[in-house]
Amino acid sequence: MVNLQQLKHGLLPALIAMTLSGCNLQPHYTRPALPVANQWNDTAAPGQLTAADTPWGDFFTDPTLKQLIASALKNNRDLKVAALNVEAAQAQLGITKAALMPSVDASLSKTATHLPGNLYSTATSGPVTYQQYEGNLAVSSWELDFFGRLRSLRDQALESYLADQSTQQATQLSLVAEVAQAYITLCADSDLQKLAVATAASQNQSLLLTQAKLAAGTVTEQDVLQAKTTVKSAEADVAKYARERQQAVNALQLLLGAPVPAGVAEQASLHKTWVFPALKADLPSQVLTRRPDIMAAEHTLKAANANIGAARAAFFPSISLTASGGSASAGLNNLFDAGTAAWSFAPSISLPIFDGGKNRASLNAAKVSQRIEVADYEKAIQQAFKEVSDALTGVNTYQQEVLARQEEQDTSDKYYQLAKVRYDSGADDYLNLLTAQRSRYSAQQEYISTLSDSLAQKVTLYKVLGGGWK
């Protein structure tokens, strides 16, 4: 007779070893070739620092910006959801792993049966009461994974967990970049609003002087109307940039997941020293396969690959085991005495014969899903290649544009000053002064916008190169 210790130390380990040594029907995974060129479209390397080795705290040196990024990493709800998704995937992985091991349950039960005396033909027999006590350890419907179905499901869950983990890292990197760009936008909108306010005040002064000249008969009413038009245009810009500035504050607050710290919006300005370390672009094969979002896409592809193994295993027999071992006795006090051992062993095998094509359809669906994931992975690679190429081109050309806009602004200011002197001395009409005013105002706006875009482009380059992914 087999007792509980024999079941524990002999049979179960043997079955577990047999299960773990079973075959695996997953296709061999090979990473798809990169569907892009071996070099970036813009091969110029602006620096020697690798983005992957540069934590965000080293790339963003502005104290206010560091404070905002730290707040976002602590409070942003999208990042919290991404972290919770990782926890959920980890829990699901634990559930899937548990299916590989037998589930052992302990039970203690009593059965009492009372039979009347007239149930039997013997006249002297009286009523009879039977009592039975049982104590068992049982394994219920444990699937022996000979063909790797459960292991394929485990691998699928593992890859899904790793994909969520990489997605969390990608979400964090995107959040850091979005906060930096939102702050730069706020600084630009603040400067544009201040410029519009200063321009409106200057135009009002010009309007008053023009009205005084009209009273003196040195200018025409047309000059006054032109001056009023310029004032109203500047006042409209004041309202416009006030709106955009507040919207920038609202956008930043959403990213932070908390109120914008006091004084940040009031002191926001592009007119300060911005230092972003110059980054180099490694080869596409080094960058694209290590970006968190690309890693997430590859893990999703691997999960689809594992799902094919599970679908293939459905064509093979499913072998399950139900077993129990323990003691049975008519009295509770001698339940575990010698001679009370009891056991049961009930293996079962299920062989699919006809399922209406369900298993074949499931396998085809798994294969199609895997091909879809290959295409999605390749598309993600191509999108990432474009993003890096665009960012490299942007960083290399924005520097030239900012310098040109600065020179345009300086030249327009000089031209305005000369036009004003000529107008005040009566050597020129108001139309030339008005043209000079508009040219200077436009040049100032363009410079602020270009400087903002240039700074944002450097942040984008850090992001698309997988900044701080290590």
Protein backbone atom coordinates (compact mmCIF):
# COMPACT_ATOMS: atom_id res chain seq x y z
CA MET A 1 0.00 0.00 0.00
CA VAL A 2 1.24 3.48 -0.91
CA ASN A 3 1.21 5.93 1.96
CA LEU A 4 1.28 9.72 1.94
CA GLN A 5 5.06 9.98 2.29
CA GLN A 6 5.57 7.76 -0.78
CA LEU A 7 3.21 9.95 -2.74
CA LYS A 8 5.03 13.08 -1.62
CA HIS A 9 8.63 11.93 -2.04
CA GLY A 10 8.35 9.51 -4.94
CA LEU A 11 5.49 9.94 -7.35
CA LEU A 12 5.04 13.73 -7.41
CA PRO A 13 8.72 14.62 -8.04
CA ALA A 14 8.87 12.07 -10.84
CA LEU A 15 5.79 13.50 -12.51
CA ILE A 16 7.06 17.06 -12.11
CA ALA A 17 10.38 16.08 -13.70
CA MET A 18 8.56 14.42 -16.59
CA THR A 19 6.43 17.53 -17.08
CA LEU A 20 9.35 19.97 -17.05
CA SER A 21 11.29 17.88 -19.56
CA GLY A 22 8.44 17.84 -22.08
CA CYS A 23 8.70 19.28 -25.57
CA ASN A 24 8.02 22.86 -26.59
CA LEU A 25 6.15 23.67 -29.80
CA GLN A 26 6.95 27.37 -30.01
CA PRO A 27 8.59 28.58 -33.26
CA HIS A 28 12.23 29.52 -32.90
CA TYR A 29 12.34 33.28 -32.35
CA THR A 30 14.54 35.37 -34.63
CA ARG A 31 14.56 39.15 -34.37
CA PRO A 32 13.37 40.67 -37.65
CA ALA A 33 16.00 42.55 -39.64
CA LEU A 34 15.91 46.32 -39.29
CA PRO A 35 13.81 47.68 -42.17
CA VAL A 36 15.83 50.91 -42.29
CA ALA A 37 19.17 52.18 -43.53
CA ASN A 38 22.41 51.60 -41.66
CA GLN A 39 22.92 55.34 -41.16
CA TRP A 40 20.70 58.24 -40.23
CA ASN A 41 19.49 60.59 -42.92
CA ASP A 42 21.55 63.30 -41.22
CA THR A 43 24.86 61.73 -40.21
CA ALA A 44 26.24 64.77 -38.42
CA ALA A 45 26.93 64.02 -34.74
CA PRO A 46 26.54 67.21 -32.69
CA GLY A 47 28.26 65.80 -29.62
CA GLN A 48 30.09 62.88 -28.02
CA LEU A 49 27.74 62.13 -25.12
CA THR A 50 25.48 59.10 -25.51
CA ALA A 51 21.84 59.80 -24.64
CA ALA A 52 21.33 56.34 -23.16
CA ASP A 53 24.09 56.98 -20.61
CA THR A 54 22.75 60.41 -19.63
CA PRO A 55 20.12 60.47 -16.85
CA TRP A 56 17.52 63.22 -17.15
CA GLY A 57 18.99 64.92 -14.08
CA ASP A 58 22.25 65.40 -15.97
CA PHE A 59 20.67 66.49 -19.25
CA PHE A 60 18.30 69.07 -17.77
CA THR A 61 20.38 71.48 -15.72
CA ASP A 62 17.84 74.27 -15.06
CA PRO A 63 16.78 74.08 -11.35
CA THR A 64 13.16 75.03 -12.06
CA LEU A 65 12.88 72.44 -14.81
CA LYS A 66 14.38 69.77 -12.57
CA GLN A 67 11.81 70.60 -9.90
CA LEU A 68 8.96 70.28 -12.40
CA ILE A 69 10.19 66.95 -13.79
CA ALA A 70 10.60 65.49 -10.30
CA SER A 71 7.05 66.54 -9.44
CA ALA A 72 5.68 64.93 -12.62
CA LEU A 73 7.49 61.65 -11.97
CA LYS A 74 5.91 61.58 -8.53
CA ASN A 75 2.35 62.64 -9.35
CA ASN A 76 1.56 62.10 -13.05
CA ARG A 77 -1.45 59.81 -13.43
CA ASP A 78 -0.44 58.30 -16.78
CA LEU A 79 2.83 57.16 -15.24
CA LYS A 80 0.95 55.71 -12.26
CA VAL A 81 -1.33 53.77 -14.60
CA ALA A 82 1.71 52.44 -16.48
CA ALA A 83 3.24 51.29 -13.17
CA LEU A 84 -0.03 49.61 -12.15
CA ASN A 85 -0.17 47.86 -15.52
CA VAL A 86 3.25 46.40 -14.75
CA GLU A 87 2.01 45.18 -11.36
CA ALA A 88 -1.07 43.63 -12.98
CA ALA A 89 1.07 41.87 -15.60
CA GLN A 90 3.39 40.61 -12.87
CA ALA A 91 0.42 39.18 -10.96
CA GLN A 92 -0.88 37.53 -14.14
CA LEU A 93 2.56 36.02 -14.70
CA GLY A 94 2.41 34.54 -11.20
CA ILE A 95 -1.00 33.01 -11.96
CA THR A 96 0.27 31.50 -15.21
CA LYS A 97 3.39 30.10 -13.55
CA ALA A 98 1.27 28.51 -10.83
CA ALA A 99 -0.52 26.38 -13.45
CA LEU A 100 2.74 24.48 -14.05
CA MET A 101 2.78 23.16 -10.50
CA PRO A 102 0.24 20.88 -8.84
CA SER A 103 -2.28 22.37 -6.47
CA VAL A 104 -2.30 20.44 -3.20
CA ASP A 105 -5.27 20.74 -0.84
CA ALA A 106 -5.76 19.33 2.66
CA SER A 107 -9.18 18.23 3.85
CA LEU A 108 -10.79 16.64 6.89
CA SER A 109 -14.34 15.30 6.57
CA LYS A 110 -16.95 13.25 8.43
CA THR A 111 -19.77 11.21 6.89
CA ALA A 112 -22.66 9.87 9.04
CA THR A 113 -25.33 7.49 7.62
CA HIS A 114 -28.35 6.12 9.49
CA LEU A 115 -30.22 3.07 8.08
CA PRO A 116 -33.56 1.74 9.45
CA GLY A 117 -33.80 -1.90 10.66
CA ASN A 118 -36.49 -2.96 8.18
CA LEU A 119 -34.18 -2.19 5.29
CA TYR A 120 -32.71 -5.70 5.60
CA SER A 121 -34.45 -9.10 5.53
CA THR A 122 -33.02 -10.23 8.88
CA ALA A 123 -35.78 -9.81 11.45
CA THR A 124 -33.41 -9.29 14.37
CA SER A 125 -31.58 -6.45 12.73
CA GLY A 126 -32.19 -3.04 14.20
CA PRO A 127 -31.40 0.44 12.96
CA VAL A 128 -27.71 0.99 12.08
CA THR A 129 -25.66 4.21 12.09
CA TYR A 130 -22.38 4.35 10.17
CA GLN A 131 -19.74 7.05 10.74
CA GLN A 132 -16.62 7.63 8.66
CA TYR A 133 -13.79 10.14 9.10
CA GLU A 134 -11.30 11.00 6.34
CA GLY A 135 -8.16 13.14 6.25
CA ASN A 136 -6.54 13.68 2.83
CA LEU A 137 -3.95 15.58 0.83
CA ALA A 138 -5.18 15.83 -2.76
CA VAL A 139 -3.93 16.94 -6.17
CA SER A 140 -6.88 18.00 -8.31
CA SER A 141 -6.81 17.97 -12.13
CA TRP A 142 -3.14 18.84 -12.54
CA GLU A 143 -2.29 19.07 -16.24
CA LEU A 144 0.99 17.39 -17.12
CA ASP A 145 2.58 19.78 -19.60
CA PHE A 146 4.16 17.22 -21.95
CA PHE A 147 3.62 19.35 -25.04
CA GLY A 148 4.47 22.76 -23.60
CA ARG A 149 1.03 24.39 -23.66
CA LEU A 150 1.32 25.77 -20.14
CA ARG A 151 4.94 26.76 -20.64
CA SER A 152 4.00 28.64 -23.80
CA LEU A 153 1.28 30.47 -21.86
CA ARG A 154 3.83 31.24 -19.15
CA ASP A 155 6.26 32.61 -21.75
CA GLN A 156 3.47 34.69 -23.26
CA ALA A 157 2.65 36.14 -19.84
CA LEU A 158 6.34 36.81 -19.18
CA GLU A 159 6.77 38.68 -22.45
CA SER A 160 3.58 40.65 -21.81
CA TYR A 161 4.96 41.61 -18.40
CA LEU A 162 8.28 42.71 -19.94
CA ALA A 163 6.38 44.66 -22.61
CA ASP A 164 4.43 46.53 -19.93
CA GLN A 165 7.66 47.16 -18.06
CA SER A 166 9.27 48.66 -21.18
CA THR A 167 6.11 50.66 -21.84
CA GLN A 168 6.39 52.12 -18.35
CA GLN A 169 9.98 53.16 -19.09
CA ALA A 170 8.90 54.68 -22.42
CA THR A 171 6.07 56.52 -20.66
CA GLN A 172 8.51 57.93 -18.13
CA LEU A 173 10.91 59.09 -20.85
CA SER A 174 8.05 60.70 -22.79
CA LEU A 175 6.78 62.38 -19.63
CA VAL A 176 10.20 63.89 -18.88
CA ALA A 177 10.40 65.28 -22.42
CA GLU A 178 6.80 66.55 -22.39
CA VAL A 179 7.32 68.42 -19.12
CA ALA A 180 10.48 70.05 -20.47
CA GLN A 181 8.75 71.06 -23.70
CA ALA A 182 5.67 72.33 -21.86
CA TYR A 183 7.87 74.50 -19.66
CA ILE A 184 9.71 75.85 -22.71
CA THR A 185 6.35 76.64 -24.32
CA LEU A 186 5.26 78.46 -21.17
CA CYS A 187 8.47 80.51 -21.23
CA ALA A 188 7.93 81.40 -24.89
CA ASP A 189 4.29 82.37 -24.36
CA SER A 190 5.27 84.50 -21.38
CA ASP A 191 7.89 86.33 -23.45
CA LEU A 192 5.47 86.80 -26.34
CA GLN A 193 2.87 88.23 -23.97
CA LYS A 194 5.40 90.63 -22.45
CA LEU A 195 6.50 91.66 -25.94
CA ALA A 196 2.88 92.29 -26.97
CA VAL A 197 2.26 94.40 -23.82
CA ALA A 198 5.42 96.45 -24.43
CA THR A 199 4.53 96.86 -28.11
CA ALA A 200 0.99 97.97 -27.28
CA ALA A 201 2.33 100.56 -24.83
CA SER A 202 4.84 101.84 -27.41
CA GLN A 203 2.16 102.01 -30.08
CA ASN A 204 -0.09 103.98 -27.74
CA GLN A 205 2.68 106.52 -27.22
CA SER A 206 3.09 106.79 -31.00
CA LEU A 207 -0.66 107.26 -31.36
CA LEU A 208 -0.64 110.14 -28.85
CA LEU A 209 2.25 111.83 -30.67
CA THR A 210 0.52 111.38 -34.02
CA GLN A 211 -2.71 112.86 -32.66
CA ALA A 212 -0.72 115.84 -31.37
CA LYS A 213 0.85 116.29 -34.80
CA LEU A 214 -2.59 116.12 -36.38
CA ALA A 215 -3.72 118.94 -34.11
CA ALA A 216 -0.64 120.90 -35.19
CA GLY A 217 -1.43 120.16 -38.82
CA THR A 218 1.83 118.35 -39.60
CA VAL A 219 0.21 114.95 -40.34
CA THR A 220 -3.02 113.78 -41.87
CA GLU A 221 -5.95 111.90 -40.34
CA GLN A 222 -4.84 108.87 -42.33
CA ASP A 223 -1.67 108.75 -40.22
CA VAL A 224 -3.78 108.70 -37.04
CA LEU A 225 -5.94 105.87 -38.35
CA GLN A 226 -2.87 103.86 -39.25
CA ALA A 227 -1.51 104.41 -35.74
CA LYS A 228 -4.82 103.26 -34.21
CA THR A 229 -4.75 100.11 -36.36
CA THR A 230 -1.30 99.25 -35.04
CA VAL A 231 -2.44 99.78 -31.43
CA LYS A 232 -5.48 97.54 -31.81
CA SER A 233 -3.41 94.83 -33.47
CA ALA A 234 -0.96 94.87 -30.53
CA GLU A 235 -3.81 94.83 -28.00
CA ALA A 236 -5.30 91.80 -29.76
CA ASP A 237 -1.92 90.06 -29.44
CA VAL A 238 -1.88 90.86 -25.71
CA ALA A 239 -5.19 89.01 -25.27
CA LYS A 240 -4.05 86.17 -27.56
CA TYR A 241 -0.78 85.52 -25.75
CA ALA A 242 -2.43 85.86 -22.33
CA ARG A 243 -4.79 83.07 -23.37
CA GLU A 244 -1.99 80.88 -24.74
CA ARG A 245 0.15 81.47 -21.66
CA GLN A 246 -2.65 80.33 -19.34
CA GLN A 247 -3.28 77.31 -21.53
CA ALA A 248 0.40 76.48 -21.28
CA VAL A 249 0.14 76.66 -17.48
CA ASN A 250 -2.88 74.34 -17.60
CA ALA A 251 -1.04 71.85 -19.84
CA LEU A 252 1.97 71.87 -17.53
CA GLN A 253 -0.25 71.34 -14.50
CA LEU A 254 -1.87 68.30 -16.15
CA LEU A 255 1.54 66.77 -16.81
CA LEU A 256 2.68 67.46 -13.25
CA GLY A 257 -0.45 65.92 -11.77
CA ALA A 258 -0.27 68.72 -9.19
CA PRO A 259 -0.46 72.53 -9.11
CA VAL A 260 2.37 74.41 -10.78
CA PRO A 261 4.68 75.62 -7.98
CA ALA A 262 4.28 79.26 -6.96
CA GLY A 263 6.39 81.69 -8.94
CA VAL A 264 7.15 79.32 -11.82
CA ALA A 265 4.62 80.82 -14.24
CA GLU A 266 5.41 84.40 -13.20
CA GLN A 267 9.17 83.97 -13.70
CA ALA A 268 9.01 81.84 -16.85
CA SER A 269 11.16 83.26 -19.63
CA LEU A 270 13.46 82.14 -22.40
CA HIS A 271 15.86 84.94 -21.48
CA LYS A 272 18.19 82.86 -19.35
CA THR A 273 21.01 80.40 -19.86
CA TRP A 274 19.84 77.08 -21.31
CA VAL A 275 22.44 74.32 -21.19
CA PHE A 276 21.69 70.96 -22.85
CA PRO A 277 24.68 68.63 -23.27
CA ALA A 278 25.43 67.88 -26.92
CA LEU A 279 24.45 64.32 -27.84
CA LYS A 280 25.82 61.95 -30.44
CA ALA A 281 23.75 59.53 -32.49
CA ASP A 282 24.98 55.93 -32.40
CA LEU A 283 24.25 53.52 -35.23
CA PRO A 284 20.55 52.74 -35.76
CA SER A 285 21.07 49.13 -34.64
CA GLN A 286 22.39 50.37 -31.29
CA VAL A 287 19.67 52.95 -30.72
CA LEU A 288 16.49 51.54 -32.23
CA THR A 289 16.61 48.10 -30.61
CA ARG A 290 17.22 49.58 -27.16
CA ARG A 291 14.62 52.33 -27.03
CA PRO A 292 11.97 51.40 -24.43
CA ASP A 293 9.09 51.62 -26.90
CA ILE A 294 10.92 49.39 -29.40
CA MET A 295 11.75 46.92 -26.63
CA ALA A 296 8.05 46.85 -25.71
CA ALA A 297 7.12 46.11 -29.33
CA GLU A 298 9.63 43.26 -29.47
CA HIS A 299 8.37 41.72 -26.23
CA THR A 300 4.84 41.87 -27.65
CA LEU A 301 6.15 40.06 -30.74
CA LYS A 302 7.74 37.39 -28.55
CA ALA A 303 4.45 36.97 -26.70
CA ALA A 304 2.68 36.34 -30.01
CA ASN A 305 5.40 33.83 -30.88
CA ALA A 306 4.77 31.97 -27.62
CA ASN A 307 1.03 31.99 -28.29
CA ILE A 308 1.67 29.91 -31.42
CA GLY A 309 3.26 27.24 -29.23
CA ALA A 310 0.16 27.12 -27.02
CA ALA A 311 -2.10 26.87 -30.09
CA ARG A 312 0.00 24.02 -31.53
CA ALA A 313 -0.10 22.11 -28.25
CA ALA A 314 -3.91 22.08 -28.41
CA PHE A 315 -3.65 19.46 -31.19
CA PHE A 316 -1.98 16.98 -28.85
CA PRO A 317 -3.42 14.94 -25.96
CA SER A 318 -4.05 16.66 -22.66
CA ILE A 319 -3.01 14.55 -19.69
CA SER A 320 -4.33 15.39 -16.23
CA LEU A 321 -3.83 13.84 -12.83
CA THR A 322 -6.09 13.70 -9.81
CA ALA A 323 -4.63 11.92 -6.78
CA SER A 324 -5.12 11.88 -3.05
CA GLY A 325 -3.59 10.16 -0.08
CA GLY A 326 -4.55 10.11 3.58
CA SER A 327 -6.40 8.12 6.25
CA ALA A 328 -9.95 6.85 6.73
CA SER A 329 -11.49 5.53 9.94
CA ALA A 330 -14.83 4.96 11.63
CA GLY A 331 -13.63 6.95 14.65
CA LEU A 332 -11.96 10.33 14.85
CA ASN A 333 -9.66 9.27 17.68
CA ASN A 334 -7.98 6.55 15.63
CA LEU A 335 -8.05 8.33 12.26
CA PHE A 336 -4.27 8.29 11.91
CA ASP A 337 -3.61 4.87 13.48
CA ALA A 338 -1.76 2.13 11.64
CA GLY A 339 -3.79 0.43 8.98
CA THR A 340 -5.98 3.45 8.18
CA ALA A 341 -4.08 4.62 5.08
CA ALA A 342 -6.13 5.28 1.98
CA TRP A 343 -5.22 6.64 -1.45
CA SER A 344 -6.59 7.19 -4.91
CA PHE A 345 -4.89 7.76 -8.26
CA ALA A 346 -6.94 8.88 -11.26
CA PRO A 347 -4.96 9.95 -14.36
CA SER A 348 -6.94 10.99 -17.42
CA ILE A 349 -6.11 11.69 -21.04
CA SER A 350 -8.10 13.78 -23.47
CA LEU A 351 -7.36 13.45 -27.18
CA PRO A 352 -8.92 15.96 -29.59
CA ILE A 353 -10.63 14.05 -32.41
CA PHE A 354 -13.21 16.45 -33.85
CA ASP A 355 -13.68 20.08 -32.80
CA GLY A 356 -15.21 21.55 -35.92
CA GLY A 357 -11.91 23.16 -36.89
CA LYS A 358 -11.59 25.18 -33.70
CA ASN A 359 -7.97 24.25 -32.98
CA ARG A 360 -6.93 24.82 -36.59
CA ALA A 361 -8.62 28.22 -36.58
CA SER A 362 -6.96 29.11 -33.26
CA LEU A 363 -3.54 28.20 -34.67
CA ASN A 364 -4.16 30.23 -37.82
CA ALA A 365 -5.29 33.19 -35.73
CA ALA A 366 -2.13 32.91 -33.60
CA LYS A 367 0.06 32.85 -36.72
CA VAL A 368 -1.72 35.87 -38.20
CA SER A 369 -1.36 37.74 -34.90
CA GLN A 370 2.35 36.97 -34.93
CA ARG A 371 2.70 38.37 -38.46
CA ILE A 372 0.77 41.47 -37.39
CA GLU A 373 3.17 41.96 -34.49
CA VAL A 374 6.14 41.59 -36.87
CA ALA A 375 4.67 44.35 -39.05
CA ASP A 376 3.98 46.51 -35.98
CA TYR A 377 7.55 45.97 -34.76
CA GLU A 378 8.98 46.94 -38.14
CA LYS A 379 6.70 49.99 -38.30
CA ALA A 380 7.87 51.03 -34.84
CA ILE A 381 11.48 50.74 -36.02
CA GLN A 382 10.75 52.86 -39.10
CA GLN A 383 8.90 55.47 -37.05
CA ALA A 384 11.77 55.65 -34.58
CA PHE A 385 14.28 56.00 -37.43
CA LYS A 386 12.28 58.92 -38.83
CA GLU A 387 12.04 60.58 -35.40
CA VAL A 388 15.80 60.40 -34.85
CA SER A 389 16.57 61.60 -38.39
CA ASP A 390 14.15 64.52 -38.02
CA ALA A 391 15.56 65.45 -34.63
CA LEU A 392 19.15 65.35 -35.89
CA THR A 393 18.22 67.54 -38.84
CA GLY A 394 16.32 69.88 -36.55
CA VAL A 395 19.14 70.33 -34.04
CA ASN A 396 21.67 70.97 -36.80
CA THR A 397 19.53 73.56 -38.64
CA TYR A 398 17.80 75.31 -35.74
CA GLN A 399 21.12 76.59 -34.46
CA GLN A 400 21.67 78.37 -37.78
CA GLU A 401 18.09 79.66 -37.85
CA VAL A 402 18.30 81.08 -34.32
CA LEU A 403 21.45 83.03 -35.25
CA ALA A 404 19.79 84.32 -38.40
CA ARG A 405 16.65 85.35 -36.46
CA GLN A 406 18.80 87.14 -33.91
CA GLU A 407 20.51 89.10 -36.66
CA GLU A 408 17.13 89.84 -38.28
CA GLN A 409 15.83 91.15 -34.96
CA ASP A 410 18.86 93.39 -34.45
CA THR A 411 18.65 94.74 -38.00
CA SER A 412 14.92 95.41 -37.72
CA ASP A 413 15.44 97.28 -34.47
CA LYS A 414 18.10 99.52 -36.06
CA TYR A 415 15.85 100.13 -39.04
CA TYR A 416 12.99 101.13 -36.72
CA GLN A 417 15.19 103.53 -34.77
CA LEU A 418 16.31 105.27 -37.98
CA ALA A 419 12.73 105.42 -39.31
CA LYS A 420 11.57 106.97 -36.04
CA VAL A 421 14.26 109.65 -36.15
CA ARG A 422 13.35 110.51 -39.73
CA TYR A 423 9.64 110.64 -38.88
CA ASP A 424 10.16 112.78 -35.77
CA SER A 425 12.26 115.22 -37.81
CA GLY A 426 9.63 115.38 -40.54
CA ALA A 427 11.93 113.87 -43.16
CA ASP A 428 9.67 110.88 -43.76
CA ASP A 429 5.96 110.02 -43.57
CA TYR A 430 4.23 107.80 -41.02
CA LEU A 431 3.85 104.88 -43.45
CA ASN A 432 7.58 104.17 -43.41
CA LEU A 433 7.61 104.30 -39.60
CA LEU A 434 4.62 101.97 -39.45
CA THR A 435 6.35 99.50 -41.76
CA ALA A 436 9.46 99.60 -39.58
CA GLN A 437 7.40 99.02 -36.42
CA ARG A 438 5.65 96.01 -37.89
CA SER A 439 8.91 94.59 -39.22
CA ARG A 440 10.61 94.89 -35.83
CA TYR A 441 7.63 93.38 -33.95
CA SER A 442 7.44 90.47 -36.39
CA ALA A 443 11.18 89.82 -36.13
CA GLN A 444 10.98 89.80 -32.33
CA GLN A 445 8.10 87.30 -32.41
CA GLU A 446 9.90 85.06 -34.87
CA TYR A 447 13.05 85.06 -32.77
CA ILE A 448 11.18 83.99 -29.63
CA SER A 449 9.30 81.25 -31.50
CA THR A 450 12.43 79.95 -33.20
CA LEU A 451 14.44 79.91 -29.98
CA SER A 452 11.60 77.99 -28.30
CA ASP A 453 11.48 75.45 -31.14
CA SER A 454 15.25 75.07 -31.03
CA LEU A 455 15.27 74.25 -27.32
CA ALA A 456 12.32 71.87 -27.72
CA GLN A 457 14.18 70.12 -30.56
CA LYS A 458 17.12 69.36 -28.29
CA VAL A 459 14.72 67.81 -25.80
CA THR A 460 13.16 65.78 -28.61
CA LEU A 461 16.58 64.48 -29.68
CA TYR A 462 17.25 63.33 -26.11
CA LYS A 463 13.90 61.53 -26.08
CA VAL A 464 14.10 59.80 -29.46
CA LEU A 465 17.66 58.59 -28.76
CA GLY A 466 16.28 56.80 -25.70
CA GLY A 467 17.71 59.22 -23.16
CA GLY A 468 18.55 57.56 -19.86
CA TRP A 469 17.10 54.18 -20.85
CA LYS A 470 19.86 52.28 -19.04
